[in-house]
Amino acid sequence: MGLEIKGVTVPALLIKLDKNKSLEENLKELEEKLSSAFFKGSVSILDISDTDFSDEEIEKIEQLLKKYNTKVLGYKNEKKEKPKRQIPEITEKKSLKIINKTLRSGQRIEYDGDVLVIGDVNPDAYIIASGNIIVMGALRGVVHAGANGDETATVMALKLMPQQLRIASFYTRAPDNVEQQEMPEYPEKAYIDGNSIVIESIK
């Protein structure tokens, strides 16, 4: 079947490695595809499901992506434990719901699974998902990931500035002076660590 790069829209890429090929074969095929200027400066989700690559081999894949200025936003990984140094994995609950538009004030999305928004989430727009929430734009509304109690759920956005962010039973709110909140320089992820929500930059 070969290595696959699926772009729901650039710069969002889902890179699925071919489990029937060696690391070297995957790297060669990936480099051939990434050499196109079309993919440079993109953000990717790396699908390592059903592969047996070690942390060191995954690191080589990441280095190749960095070579072509492609950032790894997260992982889709159904079987392996995630690399400890990386962000929480993107697990598949039922299916991925893709919303290819900006959510405006008053709009509400509820879904039993992972949600990917290709656009912004404006103030007073709501997303409630039992899985992860990924926003390929500015997240300024209200989101609740892991709504069924999944504390491994993650919220990721290119610009993470939510009015309220919930993961399972944990939540955090925007500062009172939200109008003066600085635009994040890098994509960010939010996840539960201990008894609180941690927000980290993805560089």
N, C-alpha and C. Protein backbone atom coordinates (compact mmCIF):
# COMPACT_ATOMS: atom_id res chain seq x y z
N MET A 1 0.83 -1.21 0.00
CA MET A 1 0.00 0.00 0.00
C MET A 1 0.87 1.26 0.00
N GLY A 2 1.97 1.20 0.71
CA GLY A 2 2.86 2.35 0.73
C GLY A 2 2.52 3.36 1.80
N LEU A 3 3.48 4.23 2.05
CA LEU A 3 3.29 5.29 3.02
C LEU A 3 2.25 6.27 2.50
N GLU A 4 1.38 6.76 3.40
CA GLU A 4 0.31 7.66 3.00
C GLU A 4 0.45 9.01 3.68
N ILE A 5 0.20 10.07 2.92
CA ILE A 5 0.06 11.41 3.48
C ILE A 5 -1.29 11.93 3.07
N LYS A 6 -2.17 12.09 4.05
CA LYS A 6 -3.52 12.58 3.77
C LYS A 6 -3.64 13.99 4.32
N GLY A 7 -3.98 14.94 3.47
CA GLY A 7 -4.16 16.31 3.92
C GLY A 7 -5.62 16.66 3.94
N VAL A 8 -6.24 16.64 5.15
CA VAL A 8 -7.63 17.09 5.22
C VAL A 8 -7.69 18.50 4.68
N THR A 9 -6.67 19.24 4.96
CA THR A 9 -6.36 20.49 4.28
C THR A 9 -4.97 20.88 4.75
N VAL A 10 -4.17 21.39 3.86
CA VAL A 10 -2.86 21.85 4.28
C VAL A 10 -3.06 23.09 5.13
N PRO A 11 -2.41 23.27 6.29
CA PRO A 11 -1.23 22.54 6.72
C PRO A 11 -1.49 21.34 7.64
N ALA A 12 -2.66 20.73 7.62
CA ALA A 12 -2.91 19.57 8.49
C ALA A 12 -2.68 18.28 7.69
N LEU A 13 -1.68 17.50 8.09
CA LEU A 13 -1.36 16.28 7.38
C LEU A 13 -1.45 15.09 8.33
N LEU A 14 -2.01 13.99 7.86
CA LEU A 14 -1.98 12.73 8.60
C LEU A 14 -1.01 11.81 7.86
N ILE A 15 0.11 11.50 8.51
CA ILE A 15 1.15 10.68 7.90
C ILE A 15 1.06 9.28 8.47
N LYS A 16 0.70 8.31 7.64
CA LYS A 16 0.55 6.92 8.07
C LYS A 16 1.73 6.11 7.53
N LEU A 17 2.51 5.54 8.45
CA LEU A 17 3.66 4.74 8.06
C LEU A 17 3.23 3.36 7.58
N ASP A 18 3.98 2.80 6.65
CA ASP A 18 3.67 1.48 6.10
C ASP A 18 4.32 0.41 6.97
N LYS A 19 3.51 -0.37 7.66
CA LYS A 19 4.02 -1.38 8.58
C LYS A 19 4.73 -2.52 7.87
N ASN A 20 4.50 -2.65 6.56
CA ASN A 20 5.12 -3.74 5.80
C ASN A 20 6.48 -3.36 5.22
N LYS A 21 6.92 -2.13 5.48
CA LYS A 21 8.21 -1.68 4.97
C LYS A 21 9.15 -1.36 6.12
N SER A 22 10.43 -1.39 5.83
CA SER A 22 11.44 -1.09 6.84
C SER A 22 11.46 0.41 7.12
N LEU A 23 12.17 0.78 8.18
CA LEU A 23 12.29 2.20 8.51
C LEU A 23 12.93 2.96 7.36
N GLU A 24 13.98 2.38 6.78
CA GLU A 24 14.70 3.05 5.70
C GLU A 24 13.78 3.27 4.49
N GLU A 25 12.96 2.29 4.18
CA GLU A 25 12.03 2.42 3.05
C GLU A 25 10.99 3.49 3.33
N ASN A 26 10.48 3.54 4.57
CA ASN A 26 9.52 4.57 4.95
C ASN A 26 10.15 5.95 4.87
N LEU A 27 11.40 6.07 5.37
CA LEU A 27 12.08 7.36 5.35
C LEU A 27 12.31 7.85 3.92
N LYS A 28 12.72 6.92 3.04
CA LYS A 28 12.98 7.29 1.65
C LYS A 28 11.70 7.78 0.97
N GLU A 29 10.61 7.04 1.18
CA GLU A 29 9.34 7.42 0.55
C GLU A 29 8.81 8.72 1.13
N LEU A 30 8.97 8.89 2.45
CA LEU A 30 8.50 10.12 3.09
C LEU A 30 9.28 11.32 2.58
N GLU A 31 10.58 11.17 2.41
CA GLU A 31 11.40 12.29 1.94
C GLU A 31 11.03 12.67 0.52
N GLU A 32 10.73 11.69 -0.30
CA GLU A 32 10.32 11.97 -1.68
C GLU A 32 9.05 12.83 -1.71
N LYS A 33 8.12 12.52 -0.80
CA LYS A 33 6.86 13.26 -0.78
C LYS A 33 7.02 14.64 -0.14
N LEU A 34 7.84 14.71 0.92
CA LEU A 34 8.01 15.98 1.62
C LEU A 34 8.86 16.96 0.82
N SER A 35 9.60 16.48 -0.18
CA SER A 35 10.46 17.36 -0.96
C SER A 35 9.63 18.35 -1.78
N SER A 36 8.34 18.06 -1.93
CA SER A 36 7.46 19.00 -2.63
C SER A 36 7.24 20.23 -1.76
N ALA A 37 7.33 21.40 -2.37
CA ALA A 37 7.12 22.65 -1.63
C ALA A 37 5.71 22.74 -1.08
N PHE A 38 4.81 21.92 -1.61
CA PHE A 38 3.40 21.92 -1.18
C PHE A 38 3.27 21.59 0.30
N PHE A 39 4.18 20.72 0.82
CA PHE A 39 4.08 20.25 2.19
C PHE A 39 4.96 21.04 3.17
N LYS A 40 5.83 21.88 2.69
CA LYS A 40 6.75 22.58 3.58
C LYS A 40 5.99 23.57 4.48
N GLY A 41 6.39 23.62 5.75
CA GLY A 41 5.74 24.50 6.70
C GLY A 41 4.43 23.96 7.21
N SER A 42 4.16 22.67 7.00
CA SER A 42 2.91 22.07 7.43
C SER A 42 2.98 21.56 8.86
N VAL A 43 1.84 21.19 9.39
CA VAL A 43 1.74 20.56 10.72
C VAL A 43 1.19 19.16 10.51
N SER A 44 1.78 18.17 11.17
CA SER A 44 1.41 16.79 10.89
C SER A 44 1.00 16.03 12.13
N ILE A 45 0.19 15.01 11.90
CA ILE A 45 -0.15 14.01 12.91
C ILE A 45 0.45 12.70 12.41
N LEU A 46 1.29 12.07 13.21
CA LEU A 46 2.02 10.88 12.80
C LEU A 46 1.30 9.63 13.27
N ASP A 47 0.84 8.82 12.31
CA ASP A 47 0.12 7.59 12.62
C ASP A 47 1.13 6.45 12.72
N ILE A 48 1.40 5.99 13.96
CA ILE A 48 2.34 4.89 14.18
C ILE A 48 1.62 3.63 14.64
N SER A 49 0.33 3.54 14.34
CA SER A 49 -0.46 2.35 14.68
C SER A 49 0.11 1.14 13.95
N ASP A 50 0.14 0.01 14.65
CA ASP A 50 0.54 -1.28 14.05
C ASP A 50 2.01 -1.33 13.63
N THR A 51 2.81 -0.34 14.02
CA THR A 51 4.24 -0.39 13.70
C THR A 51 5.02 -0.82 14.93
N ASP A 52 6.22 -1.29 14.69
CA ASP A 52 7.08 -1.74 15.78
C ASP A 52 8.33 -0.89 15.89
N PHE A 53 8.25 0.35 15.43
CA PHE A 53 9.42 1.22 15.47
C PHE A 53 9.75 1.60 16.92
N SER A 54 11.04 1.64 17.23
CA SER A 54 11.49 2.03 18.56
C SER A 54 11.47 3.54 18.70
N ASP A 55 11.68 4.04 19.92
CA ASP A 55 11.74 5.48 20.15
C ASP A 55 12.82 6.12 19.29
N GLU A 56 13.97 5.42 19.15
CA GLU A 56 15.07 5.97 18.37
C GLU A 56 14.70 6.07 16.89
N GLU A 57 13.95 5.08 16.40
CA GLU A 57 13.53 5.10 14.99
C GLU A 57 12.49 6.19 14.76
N ILE A 58 11.58 6.37 15.71
CA ILE A 58 10.59 7.45 15.60
C ILE A 58 11.28 8.80 15.61
N GLU A 59 12.35 8.89 16.40
CA GLU A 59 13.13 10.13 16.45
C GLU A 59 13.71 10.45 15.06
N LYS A 60 14.14 9.44 14.32
CA LYS A 60 14.68 9.65 12.97
C LYS A 60 13.60 10.19 12.04
N ILE A 61 12.38 9.68 12.21
CA ILE A 61 11.27 10.17 11.40
C ILE A 61 10.99 11.64 11.72
N GLU A 62 11.01 11.97 13.02
CA GLU A 62 10.77 13.35 13.43
C GLU A 62 11.84 14.29 12.88
N GLN A 63 13.09 13.83 12.89
CA GLN A 63 14.18 14.65 12.37
C GLN A 63 14.00 14.92 10.88
N LEU A 64 13.50 13.92 10.15
CA LEU A 64 13.25 14.12 8.72
C LEU A 64 12.14 15.15 8.51
N LEU A 65 11.10 15.07 9.33
CA LEU A 65 10.01 16.04 9.23
C LEU A 65 10.52 17.45 9.52
N LYS A 66 11.37 17.57 10.55
CA LYS A 66 11.93 18.88 10.89
C LYS A 66 12.78 19.43 9.76
N LYS A 67 13.48 18.53 9.06
CA LYS A 67 14.32 18.94 7.94
C LYS A 67 13.51 19.69 6.90
N TYR A 68 12.26 19.28 6.73
CA TYR A 68 11.39 19.93 5.74
C TYR A 68 10.40 20.89 6.41
N ASN A 69 10.76 21.33 7.63
CA ASN A 69 9.97 22.35 8.34
C ASN A 69 8.54 21.91 8.56
N THR A 70 8.37 20.60 8.87
CA THR A 70 7.06 20.05 9.18
C THR A 70 7.01 19.68 10.65
N LYS A 71 6.11 20.29 11.42
CA LYS A 71 6.03 20.06 12.86
C LYS A 71 5.08 18.90 13.17
N VAL A 72 5.47 18.08 14.15
CA VAL A 72 4.60 16.99 14.61
C VAL A 72 3.68 17.53 15.68
N LEU A 73 2.39 17.62 15.36
CA LEU A 73 1.42 18.12 16.32
C LEU A 73 1.00 17.04 17.32
N GLY A 74 0.99 15.79 16.87
CA GLY A 74 0.57 14.73 17.78
C GLY A 74 0.72 13.37 17.12
N TYR A 75 0.26 12.36 17.83
CA TYR A 75 0.37 10.98 17.37
C TYR A 75 -1.00 10.31 17.36
N LYS A 76 -1.20 9.47 16.36
CA LYS A 76 -2.34 8.56 16.37
C LYS A 76 -1.75 7.18 16.59
N ASN A 77 -2.10 6.57 17.70
CA ASN A 77 -1.39 5.35 18.11
C ASN A 77 -2.36 4.46 18.87
N GLU A 78 -2.85 3.41 18.24
CA GLU A 78 -3.88 2.57 18.86
C GLU A 78 -3.33 1.45 19.71
N LYS A 79 -2.08 1.02 19.46
CA LYS A 79 -1.58 -0.16 20.14
C LYS A 79 -0.36 0.10 21.01
N LYS A 80 0.60 0.89 20.49
CA LYS A 80 1.85 1.09 21.23
C LYS A 80 1.68 2.14 22.32
N GLU A 81 2.54 2.06 23.32
CA GLU A 81 2.60 3.13 24.30
C GLU A 81 3.29 4.31 23.64
N LYS A 82 2.86 5.48 23.98
CA LYS A 82 3.44 6.66 23.34
C LYS A 82 4.87 6.85 23.82
N PRO A 83 5.73 7.44 22.99
CA PRO A 83 7.07 7.79 23.45
C PRO A 83 6.97 8.73 24.64
N LYS A 84 7.68 8.46 25.70
CA LYS A 84 7.54 9.22 26.93
C LYS A 84 7.87 10.68 26.76
N ARG A 85 8.76 10.98 25.82
CA ARG A 85 9.19 12.37 25.66
C ARG A 85 8.19 13.21 24.89
N GLN A 86 7.15 12.53 24.32
CA GLN A 86 6.26 13.24 23.42
C GLN A 86 4.92 13.53 24.06
N ILE A 87 4.07 14.21 23.32
CA ILE A 87 2.76 14.62 23.81
C ILE A 87 1.84 13.42 23.90
N PRO A 88 0.78 13.50 24.69
CA PRO A 88 -0.16 12.39 24.79
C PRO A 88 -0.68 12.00 23.42
N GLU A 89 -0.84 10.71 23.18
CA GLU A 89 -1.22 10.19 21.88
C GLU A 89 -2.65 10.56 21.52
N ILE A 90 -2.93 10.53 20.26
CA ILE A 90 -4.29 10.73 19.77
C ILE A 90 -4.89 9.35 19.57
N THR A 91 -5.78 8.94 20.43
CA THR A 91 -6.36 7.61 20.32
C THR A 91 -7.70 7.69 19.61
N GLU A 92 -8.04 6.65 18.89
CA GLU A 92 -9.27 6.63 18.13
C GLU A 92 -10.37 5.96 18.94
N LYS A 93 -11.44 6.69 19.27
CA LYS A 93 -12.54 6.14 20.04
C LYS A 93 -13.50 5.40 19.10
N LYS A 94 -14.17 6.13 18.23
CA LYS A 94 -15.02 5.52 17.21
C LYS A 94 -14.52 5.96 15.84
N SER A 95 -14.57 7.23 15.61
CA SER A 95 -14.05 7.79 14.37
C SER A 95 -13.72 9.25 14.61
N LEU A 96 -13.01 9.83 13.68
CA LEU A 96 -12.62 11.22 13.78
C LEU A 96 -13.65 12.09 13.06
N LYS A 97 -14.24 13.02 13.78
CA LYS A 97 -15.19 13.95 13.16
C LYS A 97 -14.42 15.18 12.70
N ILE A 98 -14.45 15.45 11.41
CA ILE A 98 -13.74 16.59 10.85
C ILE A 98 -14.73 17.70 10.55
N ILE A 99 -14.48 18.87 11.10
CA ILE A 99 -15.33 20.04 10.88
C ILE A 99 -14.51 21.03 10.06
N ASN A 100 -14.82 21.14 8.80
CA ASN A 100 -14.02 21.94 7.88
C ASN A 100 -14.60 23.36 7.74
N LYS A 101 -14.70 24.03 8.87
CA LYS A 101 -15.19 25.41 8.87
C LYS A 101 -14.92 26.03 10.23
N THR A 102 -15.07 27.32 10.31
CA THR A 102 -14.96 28.04 11.58
C THR A 102 -16.27 27.92 12.35
N LEU A 103 -16.17 27.62 13.65
CA LEU A 103 -17.36 27.57 14.50
C LEU A 103 -17.62 28.96 15.06
N ARG A 104 -18.79 29.46 14.82
CA ARG A 104 -19.13 30.82 15.23
C ARG A 104 -19.89 30.81 16.55
N SER A 105 -20.04 31.99 17.15
CA SER A 105 -20.71 32.13 18.43
C SER A 105 -22.08 31.47 18.41
N GLY A 106 -22.35 30.64 19.43
CA GLY A 106 -23.64 29.98 19.53
C GLY A 106 -23.67 28.58 18.93
N GLN A 107 -22.70 28.25 18.08
CA GLN A 107 -22.67 26.91 17.50
C GLN A 107 -22.14 25.90 18.52
N ARG A 108 -22.66 24.69 18.47
CA ARG A 108 -22.32 23.67 19.46
C ARG A 108 -22.10 22.32 18.76
N ILE A 109 -20.98 21.68 19.04
CA ILE A 109 -20.66 20.38 18.49
C ILE A 109 -20.52 19.39 19.64
N GLU A 110 -21.25 18.27 19.58
CA GLU A 110 -21.10 17.19 20.55
C GLU A 110 -20.82 15.91 19.78
N TYR A 111 -19.80 15.15 20.22
CA TYR A 111 -19.42 13.96 19.46
C TYR A 111 -18.77 12.92 20.37
N ASP A 112 -19.11 11.66 20.15
CA ASP A 112 -18.52 10.55 20.90
C ASP A 112 -17.30 10.05 20.15
N GLY A 113 -16.18 10.74 20.33
CA GLY A 113 -14.95 10.41 19.63
C GLY A 113 -14.05 11.62 19.59
N ASP A 114 -13.10 11.63 18.65
CA ASP A 114 -12.17 12.74 18.49
C ASP A 114 -12.74 13.76 17.52
N VAL A 115 -12.44 15.03 17.75
CA VAL A 115 -12.94 16.11 16.90
C VAL A 115 -11.76 16.91 16.36
N LEU A 116 -11.74 17.11 15.04
CA LEU A 116 -10.72 17.94 14.40
C LEU A 116 -11.42 19.09 13.69
N VAL A 117 -11.08 20.32 14.08
CA VAL A 117 -11.67 21.51 13.47
C VAL A 117 -10.64 22.15 12.56
N ILE A 118 -10.97 22.27 11.28
CA ILE A 118 -10.11 22.96 10.32
C ILE A 118 -10.63 24.38 10.21
N GLY A 119 -10.20 25.21 11.11
CA GLY A 119 -10.70 26.58 11.19
C GLY A 119 -10.61 27.06 12.63
N ASP A 120 -11.24 28.16 12.93
CA ASP A 120 -11.22 28.73 14.28
C ASP A 120 -12.44 28.28 15.08
N VAL A 121 -12.34 28.41 16.38
CA VAL A 121 -13.48 28.23 17.29
C VAL A 121 -13.68 29.56 17.99
N ASN A 122 -14.68 30.31 17.57
CA ASN A 122 -14.88 31.66 18.07
C ASN A 122 -15.46 31.67 19.49
N PRO A 123 -15.36 32.80 20.19
CA PRO A 123 -15.94 32.91 21.53
C PRO A 123 -17.42 32.51 21.53
N ASP A 124 -17.82 31.79 22.59
CA ASP A 124 -19.19 31.32 22.80
C ASP A 124 -19.60 30.22 21.82
N ALA A 125 -18.63 29.60 21.14
CA ALA A 125 -18.87 28.36 20.41
C ALA A 125 -18.43 27.21 21.31
N TYR A 126 -19.09 26.06 21.21
CA TYR A 126 -18.84 24.95 22.14
C TYR A 126 -18.48 23.68 21.38
N ILE A 127 -17.49 22.95 21.92
CA ILE A 127 -17.17 21.61 21.43
C ILE A 127 -17.10 20.67 22.64
N ILE A 128 -17.89 19.61 22.60
CA ILE A 128 -17.88 18.59 23.65
C ILE A 128 -17.59 17.26 22.98
N ALA A 129 -16.52 16.59 23.41
CA ALA A 129 -16.12 15.32 22.78
C ALA A 129 -15.68 14.34 23.85
N SER A 130 -15.96 13.06 23.60
CA SER A 130 -15.50 12.03 24.54
C SER A 130 -14.02 11.76 24.37
N GLY A 131 -13.45 12.18 23.23
CA GLY A 131 -12.03 11.97 22.96
C GLY A 131 -11.26 13.27 22.95
N ASN A 132 -10.32 13.37 22.02
CA ASN A 132 -9.45 14.54 21.91
C ASN A 132 -10.09 15.62 21.06
N ILE A 133 -9.63 16.85 21.23
CA ILE A 133 -10.09 17.97 20.41
C ILE A 133 -8.87 18.66 19.83
N ILE A 134 -8.82 18.77 18.50
CA ILE A 134 -7.71 19.40 17.79
C ILE A 134 -8.28 20.53 16.95
N VAL A 135 -7.71 21.73 17.09
CA VAL A 135 -8.18 22.89 16.35
C VAL A 135 -7.03 23.44 15.52
N MET A 136 -7.18 23.36 14.20
CA MET A 136 -6.16 23.89 13.30
C MET A 136 -6.46 25.36 13.03
N GLY A 137 -6.42 26.13 14.08
CA GLY A 137 -6.71 27.55 14.01
C GLY A 137 -6.70 28.10 15.43
N ALA A 138 -7.42 29.19 15.65
CA ALA A 138 -7.50 29.82 16.97
C ALA A 138 -8.67 29.24 17.76
N LEU A 139 -8.40 28.78 18.96
CA LEU A 139 -9.44 28.24 19.84
C LEU A 139 -9.76 29.30 20.89
N ARG A 140 -10.90 29.97 20.71
CA ARG A 140 -11.30 31.05 21.63
C ARG A 140 -12.61 30.75 22.34
N GLY A 141 -13.22 29.60 22.03
CA GLY A 141 -14.50 29.26 22.63
C GLY A 141 -14.37 28.36 23.83
N VAL A 142 -15.35 27.48 24.02
CA VAL A 142 -15.41 26.57 25.18
C VAL A 142 -15.27 25.14 24.67
N VAL A 143 -14.33 24.39 25.24
CA VAL A 143 -14.13 23.00 24.81
C VAL A 143 -14.11 22.08 26.02
N HIS A 144 -14.63 20.87 25.81
CA HIS A 144 -14.62 19.84 26.86
C HIS A 144 -14.21 18.53 26.22
N ALA A 145 -12.95 18.15 26.41
CA ALA A 145 -12.45 16.87 25.91
C ALA A 145 -12.58 15.82 27.00
N GLY A 146 -12.62 14.55 26.60
CA GLY A 146 -12.77 13.49 27.60
C GLY A 146 -14.05 13.64 28.40
N ALA A 147 -15.12 14.04 27.72
CA ALA A 147 -16.37 14.38 28.41
C ALA A 147 -16.98 13.20 29.15
N ASN A 148 -16.61 11.98 28.77
CA ASN A 148 -17.13 10.79 29.46
C ASN A 148 -16.23 10.36 30.61
N GLY A 149 -15.28 11.23 30.97
CA GLY A 149 -14.40 10.92 32.09
C GLY A 149 -13.01 10.45 31.70
N ASP A 150 -12.67 10.52 30.40
CA ASP A 150 -11.35 10.08 29.93
C ASP A 150 -10.29 11.12 30.26
N GLU A 151 -9.48 10.84 31.29
CA GLU A 151 -8.46 11.79 31.71
C GLU A 151 -7.20 11.75 30.85
N THR A 152 -7.16 10.85 29.85
CA THR A 152 -6.03 10.82 28.92
C THR A 152 -6.29 11.69 27.69
N ALA A 153 -7.46 12.28 27.60
CA ALA A 153 -7.80 13.12 26.45
C ALA A 153 -6.92 14.37 26.41
N THR A 154 -6.77 14.91 25.23
CA THR A 154 -5.90 16.06 25.00
C THR A 154 -6.63 17.11 24.18
N VAL A 155 -6.31 18.38 24.43
CA VAL A 155 -6.79 19.49 23.60
C VAL A 155 -5.56 20.13 22.97
N MET A 156 -5.58 20.29 21.65
CA MET A 156 -4.47 20.91 20.95
C MET A 156 -5.01 21.96 19.99
N ALA A 157 -4.26 23.07 19.84
CA ALA A 157 -4.68 24.13 18.92
C ALA A 157 -3.45 24.91 18.46
N LEU A 158 -3.56 25.46 17.26
CA LEU A 158 -2.47 26.31 16.77
C LEU A 158 -2.39 27.59 17.60
N LYS A 159 -3.55 28.11 18.02
CA LYS A 159 -3.62 29.28 18.90
C LYS A 159 -4.60 28.93 20.03
N LEU A 160 -4.07 28.57 21.19
CA LEU A 160 -4.91 28.08 22.29
C LEU A 160 -5.24 29.23 23.24
N MET A 161 -6.45 29.77 23.11
CA MET A 161 -6.89 30.90 23.93
C MET A 161 -8.36 30.71 24.34
N PRO A 162 -8.72 29.59 24.95
CA PRO A 162 -10.13 29.27 25.21
C PRO A 162 -10.75 30.12 26.31
N GLN A 163 -12.07 30.30 26.20
CA GLN A 163 -12.81 30.91 27.31
C GLN A 163 -12.81 29.95 28.49
N GLN A 164 -13.04 28.67 28.19
CA GLN A 164 -12.98 27.63 29.21
C GLN A 164 -12.51 26.34 28.55
N LEU A 165 -11.65 25.64 29.24
CA LEU A 165 -11.11 24.38 28.74
C LEU A 165 -11.31 23.31 29.79
N ARG A 166 -12.00 22.23 29.42
CA ARG A 166 -12.24 21.10 30.32
C ARG A 166 -11.65 19.83 29.75
N ILE A 167 -11.08 19.03 30.63
CA ILE A 167 -10.68 17.67 30.28
C ILE A 167 -11.20 16.78 31.40
N ALA A 168 -12.10 15.87 31.06
CA ALA A 168 -12.77 15.03 32.07
C ALA A 168 -13.43 15.96 33.09
N SER A 169 -13.07 15.84 34.38
CA SER A 169 -13.68 16.69 35.42
C SER A 169 -12.82 17.89 35.78
N PHE A 170 -11.70 18.08 35.08
CA PHE A 170 -10.81 19.21 35.36
C PHE A 170 -11.12 20.35 34.39
N TYR A 171 -10.94 21.58 34.86
CA TYR A 171 -11.19 22.70 33.96
C TYR A 171 -10.32 23.89 34.32
N THR A 172 -10.14 24.76 33.34
CA THR A 172 -9.43 26.02 33.54
C THR A 172 -10.13 27.09 32.73
N ARG A 173 -10.06 28.32 33.19
CA ARG A 173 -10.73 29.43 32.52
C ARG A 173 -9.72 30.43 31.99
N ALA A 174 -10.17 31.26 31.06
CA ALA A 174 -9.35 32.34 30.54
C ALA A 174 -9.18 33.41 31.61
N PRO A 175 -8.09 34.17 31.57
CA PRO A 175 -7.92 35.27 32.52
C PRO A 175 -8.99 36.33 32.34
N ASP A 176 -9.23 37.12 33.39
CA ASP A 176 -10.27 38.14 33.33
C ASP A 176 -10.01 39.15 32.21
N ASN A 177 -8.74 39.50 32.00
CA ASN A 177 -8.40 40.47 30.95
C ASN A 177 -8.11 39.74 29.65
N VAL A 178 -9.10 38.94 29.20
CA VAL A 178 -8.90 38.10 28.02
C VAL A 178 -8.58 38.92 26.78
N GLU A 179 -9.10 40.18 26.72
CA GLU A 179 -8.83 41.02 25.55
C GLU A 179 -7.35 41.32 25.41
N GLN A 180 -6.62 41.31 26.55
CA GLN A 180 -5.20 41.62 26.52
C GLN A 180 -4.33 40.37 26.45
N GLN A 181 -4.97 39.22 26.31
CA GLN A 181 -4.22 37.96 26.25
C GLN A 181 -3.37 37.92 24.99
N GLU A 182 -2.10 37.59 25.15
CA GLU A 182 -1.19 37.57 24.02
C GLU A 182 -1.44 36.35 23.13
N MET A 183 -1.27 36.55 21.83
CA MET A 183 -1.42 35.46 20.89
C MET A 183 -0.26 34.47 21.07
N PRO A 184 -0.54 33.17 21.28
CA PRO A 184 0.53 32.20 21.45
C PRO A 184 1.45 32.17 20.24
N GLU A 185 2.74 32.04 20.50
CA GLU A 185 3.72 32.01 19.41
C GLU A 185 3.77 30.66 18.73
N TYR A 186 3.48 29.59 19.50
CA TYR A 186 3.56 28.23 18.98
C TYR A 186 2.23 27.50 19.22
N PRO A 187 2.00 26.42 18.47
CA PRO A 187 0.86 25.55 18.81
C PRO A 187 1.03 25.05 20.25
N GLU A 188 -0.10 24.79 20.92
CA GLU A 188 -0.05 24.34 22.31
C GLU A 188 -0.96 23.14 22.52
N LYS A 189 -0.64 22.37 23.56
CA LYS A 189 -1.44 21.21 23.93
C LYS A 189 -1.80 21.34 25.41
N ALA A 190 -2.95 20.83 25.77
CA ALA A 190 -3.40 20.81 27.16
C ALA A 190 -3.76 19.38 27.52
N TYR A 191 -3.29 18.93 28.68
CA TYR A 191 -3.58 17.57 29.13
C TYR A 191 -3.50 17.54 30.65
N ILE A 192 -3.98 16.47 31.24
CA ILE A 192 -3.99 16.34 32.69
C ILE A 192 -2.68 15.72 33.15
N ASP A 193 -2.06 16.36 34.11
CA ASP A 193 -0.85 15.84 34.74
C ASP A 193 -1.04 15.97 36.25
N GLY A 194 -1.18 14.83 36.92
CA GLY A 194 -1.47 14.89 38.35
C GLY A 194 -2.91 15.28 38.57
N ASN A 195 -3.10 16.38 39.27
CA ASN A 195 -4.46 16.84 39.55
C ASN A 195 -4.75 18.20 38.93
N SER A 196 -4.11 18.47 37.81
CA SER A 196 -4.34 19.76 37.16
C SER A 196 -4.13 19.65 35.66
N ILE A 197 -4.61 20.65 34.94
CA ILE A 197 -4.42 20.72 33.50
C ILE A 197 -3.12 21.47 33.22
N VAL A 198 -2.27 20.86 32.42
CA VAL A 198 -0.99 21.45 32.03
C VAL A 198 -1.08 21.89 30.57
N ILE A 199 -0.57 23.09 30.28
CA ILE A 199 -0.55 23.59 28.91
C ILE A 199 0.92 23.79 28.51
N GLU A 200 1.30 23.16 27.38
CA GLU A 200 2.68 23.23 26.93
C GLU A 200 2.73 23.61 25.45
N SER A 201 3.81 24.31 25.08
CA SER A 201 4.02 24.65 23.69
C SER A 201 4.51 23.45 22.91
N ILE A 202 4.15 23.38 21.63
CA ILE A 202 4.64 22.35 20.73
C ILE A 202 5.61 23.01 19.79
N LYS A 203 6.89 22.77 19.99
CA LYS A 203 7.92 23.42 19.18
C LYS A 203 8.61 22.42 18.27
